[in-house]
Amino acid sequence: MATNFEKKPGKPFGNKVLVGPNDHIDKALRKLKKKVSESGLLQTLRAKEQYEKPTTKRKRKHAAAVRRWKKKLSDDQLPKKMY
């Protein structure tokens, strides 16, 4: 069975969590969820579920950039006086 995933040299393939005989399943599940969220796998899968037109993609990216810029500006401002 052929897949679109190619193993890159020097990098581990996939998100794996090794569970020992004395380890709890809940702890392993938390580790796996953290690895998946850090890798951004779910975000890419959700983004590829439906086709997004190029104009919509540009608008979404531009809006995200504007939000980041506004957040940076608000973080850089001095706090308002509390009197």
Protein backbone atom coordinates (compact mmCIF):
# COMPACT_ATOMS: atom_id res chain seq x y z
CA MET A 1 0.00 0.00 0.00
CA ALA A 2 1.52 3.29 -1.10
CA THR A 3 1.15 6.40 1.01
CA ASN A 4 1.89 10.05 0.39
CA PHE A 5 4.01 10.19 3.53
CA GLU A 6 7.72 9.84 2.97
CA LYS A 7 10.12 9.23 5.80
CA LYS A 8 12.71 11.97 5.97
CA PRO A 9 16.21 10.92 6.94
CA GLY A 10 17.14 11.79 10.50
CA LYS A 11 13.58 12.55 11.59
CA PRO A 12 11.23 10.16 13.39
CA PHE A 13 8.15 9.22 11.39
CA GLY A 14 4.82 10.09 12.95
CA ASN A 15 3.80 10.92 16.49
CA LYS A 16 4.70 8.03 18.75
CA VAL A 17 4.45 7.60 22.49
CA LEU A 18 6.08 4.57 24.05
CA VAL A 19 4.10 3.09 26.92
CA GLY A 20 5.85 0.87 29.43
CA PRO A 21 4.21 -1.91 31.43
CA ASN A 22 3.89 0.28 34.54
CA ASP A 23 2.79 3.49 32.78
CA HIS A 24 -0.75 4.82 32.91
CA ILE A 25 -2.75 5.06 29.70
CA ASP A 26 -4.07 8.51 30.65
CA LYS A 27 -0.54 9.90 30.88
CA ALA A 28 0.40 8.38 27.51
CA LEU A 29 -2.76 9.80 25.93
CA ARG A 30 -1.93 13.29 27.27
CA LYS A 31 1.58 13.00 25.82
CA LEU A 32 0.19 11.92 22.44
CA LYS A 33 -2.32 14.77 22.36
CA LYS A 34 0.46 17.24 23.18
CA LYS A 35 2.69 15.87 20.40
CA VAL A 36 -0.13 16.00 17.86
CA SER A 37 -1.05 19.57 18.81
CA GLU A 38 2.61 20.71 18.68
CA SER A 39 3.13 19.14 15.27
CA GLY A 40 0.09 20.95 13.85
CA LEU A 41 -1.26 17.77 12.29
CA LEU A 42 -4.90 18.38 13.18
CA GLN A 43 -4.83 21.96 11.92
CA THR A 44 -3.51 20.87 8.53
CA LEU A 45 -6.05 18.05 8.29
CA ARG A 46 -8.92 20.39 9.12
CA ALA A 47 -7.64 22.93 6.60
CA LYS A 48 -7.52 20.29 3.87
CA GLU A 49 -10.98 18.85 4.55
CA GLN A 50 -12.56 21.32 2.14
CA TYR A 51 -11.18 23.33 -0.74
CA GLU A 52 -10.43 26.93 0.10
CA LYS A 53 -10.37 29.44 -2.71
CA PRO A 54 -7.13 31.40 -3.08
CA THR A 55 -8.86 34.72 -2.39
CA THR A 56 -10.40 33.34 0.80
CA LYS A 57 -7.02 31.99 1.88
CA ARG A 58 -5.38 35.38 1.29
CA LYS A 59 -8.12 37.17 3.24
CA ARG A 60 -7.81 34.74 6.15
CA LYS A 61 -4.02 35.09 6.28
CA HIS A 62 -4.24 38.89 6.04
CA ALA A 63 -6.79 39.02 8.86
CA ALA A 64 -4.54 36.85 11.03
CA ALA A 65 -1.59 39.15 10.30
CA VAL A 66 -3.67 42.20 11.27
CA ARG A 67 -4.69 40.51 14.54
CA ARG A 68 -1.06 39.66 15.31
CA TRP A 69 -0.01 43.24 14.56
CA LYS A 70 -2.73 44.72 16.77
CA LYS A 71 -1.80 42.34 19.58
CA LYS A 72 1.87 43.32 19.25
CA LEU A 73 0.98 47.01 19.37
CA SER A 74 -1.21 46.55 22.45
CA ASP A 75 1.54 44.53 24.19
CA ASP A 76 4.12 47.23 23.44
CA GLN A 77 2.03 50.07 24.90
CA LEU A 78 2.62 51.33 28.38
CA PRO A 79 -0.11 50.43 30.87
CA LYS A 80 -2.77 53.01 31.58
CA LYS A 81 -2.49 54.87 34.85
CA MET A 82 -4.61 53.38 37.56
CA TYR A 83 -5.97 56.56 39.16
